[in-house]
Amino acid sequence: MKREALMEHLKKINVSVVGTSEEFAPHYKGGIWVCMESGSMSNYRPGYENAIDDMLTKRGWLLENVDAGTAIIWPN
């Protein structure tokens, strides 16, 4: 799934999409910047099975936490 399409899908399922990874850090190319402190991501727990990881994996993406409130979703 292309980045723009995934960003729209994430917004529909209440994931707080902040912007592209390049907007977060210019050297982060090709990802999606999301807020982990609001929307459906506020209950996300790394290392546990969850619907967000399953959905991303099926679409060829994965989530990487940057800090407690920030994650980048990368093409896999």
C-alpha atoms as a PDB file:
ATOM      1  CA  MET A   1       0.000   0.000   0.000  1.00  0.00           C
ATOM      2  CA  LYS A   2       1.343   3.425  -0.904  1.00  0.00           C
ATOM      3  CA  ARG A   3       2.128   5.923   1.841  1.00  0.00           C
ATOM      4  CA  GLU A   4      -0.642   8.405   0.999  1.00  0.00           C
ATOM      5  CA  ALA A   5      -3.278   5.661   0.933  1.00  0.00           C
ATOM      6  CA  LEU A   6      -2.086   4.274   4.267  1.00  0.00           C
ATOM      7  CA  MET A   7      -2.121   7.762   5.818  1.00  0.00           C
ATOM      8  CA  GLU A   8      -5.768   8.159   4.793  1.00  0.00           C
ATOM      9  CA  HIS A   9      -6.635   4.702   6.123  1.00  0.00           C
ATOM     10  CA  LEU A  10      -4.937   5.433   9.456  1.00  0.00           C
ATOM     11  CA  LYS A  11      -6.906   8.656   9.847  1.00  0.00           C
ATOM     12  CA  LYS A  12     -10.158   6.735   9.247  1.00  0.00           C
ATOM     13  CA  ILE A  13      -9.347   4.341  12.101  1.00  0.00           C
ATOM     14  CA  ASN A  14      -8.542   7.203  14.504  1.00  0.00           C
ATOM     15  CA  VAL A  15      -4.739   7.104  14.360  1.00  0.00           C
ATOM     16  CA  SER A  16      -3.279  10.586  14.881  1.00  0.00           C
ATOM     17  CA  VAL A  17      -1.230  11.056  11.722  1.00  0.00           C
ATOM     18  CA  VAL A  18       1.016  14.089  12.219  1.00  0.00           C
ATOM     19  CA  GLY A  19       2.653  14.035   8.778  1.00  0.00           C
ATOM     20  CA  THR A  20       5.393  12.382   6.806  1.00  0.00           C
ATOM     21  CA  SER A  21       8.600  11.144   8.360  1.00  0.00           C
ATOM     22  CA  GLU A  22      10.466  13.835   6.406  1.00  0.00           C
ATOM     23  CA  GLU A  23       8.455  16.473   8.282  1.00  0.00           C
ATOM     24  CA  PHE A  24       9.616  14.920  11.564  1.00  0.00           C
ATOM     25  CA  ALA A  25      13.260  14.664  10.476  1.00  0.00           C
ATOM     26  CA  PRO A  26      14.456  15.403   6.924  1.00  0.00           C
ATOM     27  CA  HIS A  27      16.747  12.347   6.911  1.00  0.00           C
ATOM     28  CA  TYR A  28      13.810   9.993   7.735  1.00  0.00           C
ATOM     29  CA  LYS A  29      12.715   9.096   4.194  1.00  0.00           C
ATOM     30  CA  GLY A  30       9.507   7.317   3.201  1.00  0.00           C
ATOM     31  CA  GLY A  31       7.676   6.868   6.503  1.00  0.00           C
ATOM     32  CA  ILE A  32       4.609   8.186   8.308  1.00  0.00           C
ATOM     33  CA  TRP A  33       4.859  10.203  11.542  1.00  0.00           C
ATOM     34  CA  VAL A  34       2.190   9.338  14.118  1.00  0.00           C
ATOM     35  CA  CYS A  35       1.354  10.541  17.618  1.00  0.00           C
ATOM     36  CA  MET A  36       1.285   7.760  20.205  1.00  0.00           C
ATOM     37  CA  GLU A  37      -0.507   9.827  22.857  1.00  0.00           C
ATOM     38  CA  SER A  38      -3.954  10.195  21.308  1.00  0.00           C
ATOM     39  CA  GLY A  39      -6.544   8.380  19.257  1.00  0.00           C
ATOM     40  CA  SER A  40      -6.331   4.636  18.833  1.00  0.00           C
ATOM     41  CA  MET A  41      -2.567   4.677  19.461  1.00  0.00           C
ATOM     42  CA  SER A  42      -2.918   5.777  23.092  1.00  0.00           C
ATOM     43  CA  ASN A  43      -3.534   2.112  24.048  1.00  0.00           C
ATOM     44  CA  TYR A  44      -0.728   0.700  21.862  1.00  0.00           C
ATOM     45  CA  ARG A  45       1.801  -1.417  23.748  1.00  0.00           C
ATOM     46  CA  PRO A  46       4.984  -2.417  21.896  1.00  0.00           C
ATOM     47  CA  GLY A  47       5.762  -6.114  22.002  1.00  0.00           C
ATOM     48  CA  TYR A  48       2.143  -7.226  22.440  1.00  0.00           C
ATOM     49  CA  GLU A  49      -0.083  -8.556  19.689  1.00  0.00           C
ATOM     50  CA  ASN A  50      -2.481  -5.881  18.562  1.00  0.00           C
ATOM     51  CA  ALA A  51      -4.718  -4.982  15.653  1.00  0.00           C
ATOM     52  CA  ILE A  52      -2.577  -2.022  14.550  1.00  0.00           C
ATOM     53  CA  ASP A  53       0.540  -4.169  14.043  1.00  0.00           C
ATOM     54  CA  ASP A  54      -1.510  -6.839  12.251  1.00  0.00           C
ATOM     55  CA  MET A  55      -3.088  -4.263   9.938  1.00  0.00           C
ATOM     56  CA  LEU A  56       0.285  -2.654   9.136  1.00  0.00           C
ATOM     57  CA  THR A  57       1.984  -6.000   8.486  1.00  0.00           C
ATOM     58  CA  LYS A  58      -0.752  -7.054   6.069  1.00  0.00           C
ATOM     59  CA  ARG A  59      -0.195  -3.815   4.153  1.00  0.00           C
ATOM     60  CA  GLY A  60       3.624  -4.113   4.104  1.00  0.00           C
ATOM     61  CA  TRP A  61       4.458  -1.600   6.848  1.00  0.00           C
ATOM     62  CA  LEU A  62       5.836  -1.696  10.413  1.00  0.00           C
ATOM     63  CA  LEU A  63       5.826   0.659  13.387  1.00  0.00           C
ATOM     64  CA  GLU A  64       8.955   1.904  15.144  1.00  0.00           C
ATOM     65  CA  ASN A  65       8.733   3.925  18.350  1.00  0.00           C
ATOM     66  CA  VAL A  66      10.949   7.009  18.379  1.00  0.00           C
ATOM     67  CA  ASP A  67      10.050   8.104  21.914  1.00  0.00           C
ATOM     68  CA  ALA A  68       7.079   7.790  24.280  1.00  0.00           C
ATOM     69  CA  GLY A  69       4.854  10.044  22.179  1.00  0.00           C
ATOM     70  CA  THR A  70       6.172   9.536  18.665  1.00  0.00           C
ATOM     71  CA  ALA A  71       6.399   6.669  16.194  1.00  0.00           C
ATOM     72  CA  ILE A  72       7.316   6.327  12.546  1.00  0.00           C
ATOM     73  CA  ILE A  73       5.568   3.760  10.377  1.00  0.00           C
ATOM     74  CA  TRP A  74       7.993   2.418   7.777  1.00  0.00           C
ATOM     75  CA  PRO A  75       7.523   0.418   4.591  1.00  0.00           C
ATOM     76  CA  ASN A  76       8.664  -3.129   5.307  1.00  0.00           C
END
